[in-house]
């Protein structure tokens, strides 16, 4: 009788141990793999084969926050590659993929995304004032499903002209080149007007030239421009012109036109000078927005950020090739000099 009791007790103990081990092991075996967040990224620069510095800066920012592509995030990149007419389809494609966050690095893409979705969080990185162009209600309280970084590209137009007159004293006439599209025509005209008022205040006469088809019209546009005794060329950094930056720089050099750009990448390609927000820094900052959104913060509660770092870059090799002597007082103020 006593032996039977011991056997029963032993069986109960074994069963209890088995039950406990099963309880401990079951969640491990049944645990679902952690969700991999999907991010859409529409880039105004770069290409699939050469994403460029801005995409790399974003990736670096994400790595610093603990995100690794292919492990805990998946990024779907789409590149406009100068063809703004493709923008709506690229944005729609990402929306159909039901990405968790949509990053837009172009004003045109941001406008399309805002129109197409009210649910997917949108994080932008644009040179325009997002309030003035109707993207957000205010910088402090964006509202809706959209927020991001505004690089102040338009507000810096006057400062660029001031630097140009200091670098090249006596400059009198400049051509301002831009390429409008159906999406960008209005904003491009406004961008020109941002230069027009400070130019006249500095006694500079601006001449606007638009290039509707950069692949065919650039040579003729520059030839037409140089007939007016021009002292310089200013590029409004619109998406259609980006793939032709090397050709534009080459034409400017051929016609002895110092090129003033809105972003550093043009100076790295051989333009004379640029003044802009630090673009890589702004793309690293985009990563912080993505991180917060993925952790549950609503875009409406994330104020639009404006840059605190700016870069004045001069290409001294180009200046020398154009027989220009940049005053030391200007060189001392440059954040970077390409020699």
Protein backbone atom coordinates (compact mmCIF):
# COMPACT_ATOMS: atom_id res chain seq x y z
CA UNK A 1 0.00 0.00 0.00
CA UNK A 2 2.83 2.31 0.97
CA UNK A 3 4.68 1.38 -2.21
CA UNK A 4 1.66 2.23 -4.33
CA UNK A 5 1.47 5.64 -2.67
CA UNK A 6 5.11 6.28 -3.40
CA UNK A 7 4.62 5.34 -7.03
CA UNK A 8 1.63 7.66 -7.32
CA UNK A 9 3.60 10.50 -5.72
CA UNK A 10 6.49 9.90 -8.08
CA UNK A 11 4.16 10.00 -11.10
CA UNK A 12 2.61 13.25 -9.91
CA UNK A 13 6.08 14.78 -9.46
CA UNK A 14 7.16 13.71 -12.97
CA UNK A 15 3.94 15.05 -14.48
CA UNK A 16 4.37 18.37 -12.64
CA UNK A 17 7.92 18.68 -13.90
CA UNK A 18 6.80 17.85 -17.47
CA UNK A 19 3.99 20.40 -17.25
CA UNK A 20 6.37 23.07 -15.96
CA UNK A 21 8.91 22.40 -18.70
CA UNK A 22 6.20 22.43 -21.33
CA UNK A 23 4.91 25.74 -20.04
CA UNK A 24 8.39 27.21 -20.20
CA UNK A 25 9.20 25.86 -23.63
CA UNK A 26 5.86 26.53 -25.32
CA UNK A 27 6.16 30.34 -25.68
CA UNK A 28 9.64 29.94 -27.15
CA UNK A 29 8.47 27.47 -29.72
CA UNK A 30 5.29 29.40 -30.49
CA UNK A 31 6.85 32.87 -30.43
CA UNK A 32 6.30 34.77 -33.67
CA UNK A 33 9.34 36.42 -35.28
CA UNK A 34 9.63 40.15 -34.61
CA UNK A 35 7.92 42.28 -37.22
CA UNK A 36 10.18 43.78 -39.86
CA UNK A 37 8.96 47.34 -40.48
CA UNK A 38 8.69 48.34 -44.13
CA UNK A 39 9.74 51.85 -45.13
CA UNK A 40 9.18 53.53 -48.49
CA UNK A 41 11.73 56.09 -49.69
CA UNK A 42 11.18 58.30 -52.75
CA UNK A 43 14.47 60.00 -53.60
CA UNK A 44 14.89 63.03 -55.86
CA UNK A 45 18.59 62.22 -56.35
CA UNK A 46 20.58 59.10 -57.06
CA UNK A 47 19.63 55.90 -58.85
CA UNK A 48 19.34 52.19 -58.00
CA UNK A 49 22.97 51.65 -59.02
CA UNK A 50 24.23 54.80 -57.31
CA UNK A 51 21.95 55.82 -54.39
CA UNK A 52 24.18 58.75 -53.46
CA UNK A 53 25.27 60.52 -50.29
CA UNK A 54 21.78 61.46 -49.08
CA UNK A 55 20.51 57.88 -49.00
CA UNK A 56 23.72 56.78 -47.30
CA UNK A 57 23.29 59.51 -44.67
CA UNK A 58 19.77 58.23 -43.96
CA UNK A 59 21.08 54.67 -43.67
CA UNK A 60 23.77 55.83 -41.27
CA UNK A 61 21.17 57.61 -39.15
CA UNK A 62 19.06 54.45 -39.02
CA UNK A 63 22.06 52.31 -38.06
CA UNK A 64 22.87 54.71 -35.23
CA UNK A 65 19.35 54.12 -33.91
CA UNK A 66 19.72 50.34 -34.06
CA UNK A 67 18.04 49.58 -37.39
CA UNK A 68 19.66 47.23 -39.88
CA UNK A 69 18.19 46.76 -43.33
CA UNK A 70 17.19 43.15 -43.89
CA UNK A 71 17.06 42.41 -40.16
CA UNK A 72 14.59 44.70 -38.43
CA UNK A 73 13.63 47.02 -41.30
CA UNK A 74 13.08 46.71 -45.01
CA UNK A 75 13.47 49.85 -47.13
CA UNK A 76 11.82 50.09 -50.53
CA UNK A 77 13.76 52.71 -52.50
CA UNK A 78 12.30 54.48 -55.51
CA UNK A 79 14.32 57.00 -57.55
CA UNK A 80 12.76 59.76 -59.63
CA UNK A 81 15.95 60.05 -61.74
CA UNK A 82 14.97 63.43 -63.15
CA UNK A 83 11.65 62.18 -64.59
CA UNK A 84 9.06 63.99 -62.50
CA UNK A 85 6.24 62.51 -64.55
CA UNK A 86 7.05 59.18 -62.89
CA UNK A 87 6.53 60.58 -59.39
CA UNK A 88 2.82 59.73 -58.97
CA UNK A 89 3.33 56.10 -60.00
CA UNK A 90 6.34 55.68 -57.70
CA UNK A 91 4.40 57.04 -54.73
CA UNK A 92 1.33 54.93 -55.55
CA UNK A 93 3.48 51.83 -55.78
CA UNK A 94 4.78 52.35 -52.25
CA UNK A 95 1.33 53.09 -50.89
CA UNK A 96 0.05 49.84 -52.41
CA UNK A 97 2.85 48.02 -50.59
CA UNK A 98 1.32 49.37 -47.36
CA UNK A 99 4.62 50.66 -46.03
CA UNK A 100 4.71 51.62 -42.35
CA UNK A 101 6.34 54.99 -43.13
CA UNK A 102 6.74 56.85 -46.43
CA UNK A 103 9.80 59.11 -46.78
CA UNK A 104 9.60 61.76 -49.48
CA UNK A 105 12.72 63.67 -50.53
CA UNK A 106 10.95 65.77 -53.17
CA UNK A 107 8.19 68.37 -52.94
CA UNK A 108 6.33 66.80 -55.86
CA UNK A 109 6.37 63.36 -54.23
CA UNK A 110 5.24 64.81 -50.91
CA UNK A 111 2.26 66.52 -52.52
CA UNK A 112 1.25 63.32 -54.28
CA UNK A 113 1.64 61.27 -51.10
CA UNK A 114 -0.44 63.71 -49.06
CA UNK A 115 -3.20 63.50 -51.64
CA UNK A 116 -3.09 59.71 -51.95
CA UNK A 117 -3.03 58.62 -48.30
CA UNK A 118 -4.34 59.91 -44.99
CA UNK A 119 -3.24 56.82 -43.05
CA UNK A 120 0.39 56.08 -43.86
CA UNK A 121 2.76 58.41 -41.96
CA UNK A 122 4.69 60.67 -44.35
CA UNK A 123 8.11 62.11 -43.46
CA UNK A 124 9.47 64.70 -45.89
CA UNK A 125 12.84 66.32 -46.54
CA UNK A 126 12.31 69.35 -48.79
CA UNK A 127 13.90 72.76 -49.41
CA UNK A 128 10.53 74.56 -49.34
CA UNK A 129 8.52 76.13 -46.54
CA UNK A 130 5.94 73.37 -45.88
CA UNK A 131 3.41 75.88 -44.51
CA UNK A 132 3.68 78.16 -47.55
CA UNK A 133 3.23 75.27 -49.99
CA UNK A 134 0.27 73.88 -48.05
CA UNK A 135 1.72 70.65 -46.70
CA UNK A 136 1.25 71.33 -42.98
CA UNK A 137 -0.84 73.63 -40.81
CA UNK A 138 2.16 74.96 -38.87
CA UNK A 139 5.74 73.97 -38.11
CA UNK A 140 4.99 73.34 -34.44
CA UNK A 141 1.76 71.41 -35.08
CA UNK A 142 1.85 69.88 -38.56
CA UNK A 143 -1.51 68.13 -38.25
CA UNK A 144 -2.60 65.12 -40.28
CA UNK A 145 -0.21 62.32 -41.17
CA UNK A 146 2.77 64.38 -42.33
CA UNK A 147 5.89 66.00 -40.85
CA UNK A 148 9.63 66.15 -41.52
CA UNK A 149 12.57 68.44 -42.24
CA UNK A 150 12.39 71.75 -44.13
CA UNK A 151 15.88 72.72 -45.34
CA UNK A 152 15.14 76.45 -45.89
CA UNK A 153 16.37 76.29 -49.47
CA UNK A 154 14.18 79.16 -50.60
CA UNK A 155 14.92 81.41 -47.65
CA UNK A 156 18.65 81.20 -48.46
CA UNK A 157 18.32 82.66 -51.98
CA UNK A 158 19.27 86.18 -50.93
CA UNK A 159 22.22 84.97 -48.88
CA UNK A 160 23.55 83.05 -51.88
CA UNK A 161 23.45 86.18 -54.00
CA UNK A 162 25.27 88.18 -51.33
CA UNK A 163 28.04 85.58 -51.24
CA UNK A 164 28.24 85.63 -55.04
CA UNK A 165 28.73 89.40 -55.12
CA UNK A 166 31.44 89.15 -52.47
CA UNK A 167 33.21 86.33 -54.32
CA UNK A 168 32.95 88.12 -57.69
CA UNK A 169 32.82 91.88 -57.09
CA UNK A 170 31.19 93.82 -59.90
CA UNK A 171 28.86 91.05 -61.03
CA UNK A 172 25.89 92.65 -62.83
CA UNK A 173 23.87 90.09 -64.77
CA UNK A 174 23.03 86.48 -63.96
CA UNK A 175 20.93 83.82 -65.64
CA UNK A 176 18.69 81.72 -63.41
CA UNK A 177 18.09 78.29 -64.88
CA UNK A 178 15.24 75.99 -63.93
CA UNK A 179 13.23 73.17 -65.41
CA UNK A 180 9.48 73.23 -64.79
CA UNK A 181 7.13 70.28 -65.06
CA UNK A 182 3.38 69.98 -64.71
CA UNK A 183 3.89 69.37 -61.00
CA UNK A 184 6.61 71.95 -60.37
CA UNK A 185 5.80 74.89 -62.65
CA UNK A 186 4.21 77.07 -59.96
CA UNK A 187 6.82 76.39 -57.32
CA UNK A 188 9.68 76.90 -59.78
CA UNK A 189 8.34 80.33 -60.72
CA UNK A 190 8.09 81.19 -57.04
CA UNK A 191 11.68 80.01 -56.55
CA UNK A 192 12.78 82.47 -59.23
CA UNK A 193 10.92 85.26 -57.47
CA UNK A 194 12.85 84.44 -54.30
CA UNK A 195 15.99 85.44 -56.20
CA UNK A 196 14.49 88.35 -58.10
CA UNK A 197 13.92 90.77 -55.20
CA UNK A 198 17.35 90.36 -53.50
CA UNK A 199 19.06 90.47 -56.93
CA UNK A 200 17.59 93.86 -57.71
CA UNK A 201 18.49 95.08 -54.22
CA UNK A 202 22.08 94.11 -54.99
CA UNK A 203 21.85 95.85 -58.39
CA UNK A 204 22.00 92.53 -60.23
CA UNK A 205 19.79 91.94 -63.24
CA UNK A 206 18.39 88.38 -63.25
CA UNK A 207 17.34 86.63 -66.44
CA UNK A 208 15.09 83.61 -66.13
CA UNK A 209 15.52 80.71 -68.56
CA UNK A 210 13.47 77.57 -68.26
CA UNK A 211 14.40 74.30 -69.87
CA UNK A 212 11.37 72.15 -70.58
CA UNK A 213 13.33 69.20 -71.93
CA UNK A 214 16.84 69.06 -70.40
CA UNK A 215 17.91 66.13 -72.57
CA UNK A 216 17.49 68.29 -75.70
CA UNK A 217 17.37 71.96 -74.76
CA UNK A 218 20.32 72.62 -72.43
CA UNK A 219 22.86 73.63 -75.10
CA UNK A 220 20.46 76.05 -76.76
CA UNK A 221 19.35 77.52 -73.43
CA UNK A 222 22.91 78.27 -72.33
CA UNK A 223 23.87 79.67 -75.74
CA UNK A 224 20.86 81.96 -75.59
CA UNK A 225 21.78 83.03 -72.09
CA UNK A 226 25.36 84.05 -72.85
CA UNK A 227 24.23 86.54 -75.49
CA UNK A 228 23.31 88.96 -72.72
CA UNK A 229 26.77 89.65 -71.27
CA UNK A 230 26.10 87.45 -68.24
CA UNK A 231 28.45 87.21 -65.28
CA UNK A 232 27.04 84.09 -63.66
CA UNK A 233 24.66 81.14 -63.72
CA UNK A 234 22.34 80.20 -60.86
CA UNK A 235 20.73 76.77 -60.79
CA UNK A 236 17.33 76.30 -59.18
CA UNK A 237 17.76 72.74 -57.98
CA UNK A 238 14.67 71.14 -59.48
CA UNK A 239 14.42 67.38 -59.96
CA UNK A 240 14.54 67.35 -63.81
CA UNK A 241 17.93 69.09 -63.84
CA UNK A 242 19.67 66.79 -61.39
CA UNK A 243 20.68 64.01 -63.83
CA UNK A 244 22.25 66.67 -66.10
CA UNK A 245 24.36 68.43 -63.48
CA UNK A 246 27.67 67.34 -65.02
CA UNK A 247 26.59 68.51 -68.46
CA UNK A 248 25.34 71.84 -67.06
CA UNK A 249 28.61 72.35 -65.19
CA UNK A 250 30.50 71.57 -68.40
CA UNK A 251 28.42 74.09 -70.39
CA UNK A 252 28.88 76.74 -67.70
CA UNK A 253 32.63 76.23 -67.83
CA UNK A 254 32.65 76.27 -71.64
CA UNK A 255 30.93 79.66 -71.65
CA UNK A 256 32.99 80.99 -68.71
CA UNK A 257 29.98 81.31 -66.40
CA UNK A 258 30.61 80.94 -62.65
CA UNK A 259 27.92 78.58 -61.36
CA UNK A 260 26.13 79.27 -58.07
CA UNK A 261 24.22 76.24 -56.80
CA UNK A 262 21.61 75.53 -54.15
CA UNK A 263 23.20 72.26 -53.01
CA UNK A 264 26.75 71.06 -52.52
CA UNK A 265 26.54 68.24 -55.03
CA UNK A 266 26.75 70.75 -57.92
CA UNK A 267 30.01 72.15 -56.56
CA UNK A 268 31.42 68.67 -56.18
CA UNK A 269 30.60 68.20 -59.89
CA UNK A 270 32.59 71.34 -60.77
CA UNK A 271 30.33 74.31 -60.03
CA UNK A 272 31.90 77.35 -58.38
CA UNK A 273 30.03 77.67 -55.09
CA UNK A 274 26.97 76.75 -53.06
CA UNK A 275 25.27 77.73 -49.83
CA UNK A 276 22.75 75.40 -48.28
CA UNK A 277 21.68 73.47 -45.25
CA UNK A 278 23.94 70.53 -44.53
CA UNK A 279 22.11 67.89 -46.57
CA UNK A 280 23.63 64.72 -45.08
CA UNK A 281 22.78 66.01 -41.61
CA UNK A 282 19.17 66.64 -42.65
CA UNK A 283 18.88 63.06 -43.94
CA UNK A 284 20.31 61.68 -40.72
CA UNK A 285 17.65 63.69 -38.89
CA UNK A 286 14.97 62.04 -41.04
CA UNK A 287 15.96 58.75 -39.41
CA UNK A 288 14.93 60.11 -35.99
CA UNK A 289 11.45 60.86 -37.33
CA UNK A 290 11.14 57.36 -38.75
CA UNK A 291 12.25 55.88 -35.44
CA UNK A 292 9.66 57.84 -33.47
CA UNK A 293 6.86 56.99 -35.89
CA UNK A 294 7.71 53.29 -35.81
CA UNK A 295 7.56 53.47 -32.01
CA UNK A 296 4.05 54.90 -32.12
CA UNK A 297 4.34 58.69 -32.21
CA UNK A 298 1.89 60.34 -34.60
CA UNK A 299 3.35 62.68 -37.28
CA UNK A 300 0.90 65.37 -36.13
CA UNK A 301 2.72 65.43 -32.78
CA UNK A 302 6.21 65.80 -34.29
CA UNK A 303 7.11 69.45 -35.09
CA UNK A 304 8.71 70.14 -38.45
CA UNK A 305 12.43 70.59 -37.97
CA UNK A 306 14.52 73.31 -39.57
CA UNK A 307 18.28 73.02 -40.04
CA UNK A 308 20.87 74.47 -37.70
CA UNK A 309 23.91 73.54 -39.82
CA UNK A 310 24.68 75.37 -43.07
CA UNK A 311 27.49 74.90 -45.56
CA UNK A 312 29.26 77.44 -47.74
CA UNK A 313 31.35 75.47 -50.24
CA UNK A 314 33.76 76.87 -52.83
CA UNK A 315 35.47 74.96 -55.62
CA UNK A 316 38.85 76.67 -55.88
CA UNK A 317 39.90 74.47 -58.82
CA UNK A 318 36.98 75.83 -60.81
CA UNK A 319 37.75 79.40 -59.76
CA UNK A 320 41.33 78.99 -60.96
CA UNK A 321 40.19 77.48 -64.27
CA UNK A 322 37.87 80.48 -64.78
CA UNK A 323 40.70 82.91 -63.90
CA UNK A 324 38.77 84.13 -60.88
CA UNK A 325 40.51 85.26 -57.71
CA UNK A 326 38.25 84.64 -54.73
CA UNK A 327 38.99 87.20 -51.99
CA UNK A 328 40.59 85.77 -48.87
CA UNK A 329 37.81 87.27 -46.79
CA UNK A 330 35.36 85.00 -48.64
CA UNK A 331 37.59 81.92 -48.48
CA UNK A 332 37.92 82.30 -44.72
CA UNK A 333 34.14 82.10 -44.40
CA UNK A 334 33.86 78.88 -46.44
CA UNK A 335 33.04 75.73 -44.52
CA UNK A 336 34.72 73.68 -47.21
CA UNK A 337 37.11 74.53 -50.03
CA UNK A 338 37.60 72.04 -52.86
CA UNK A 339 41.17 72.41 -54.11
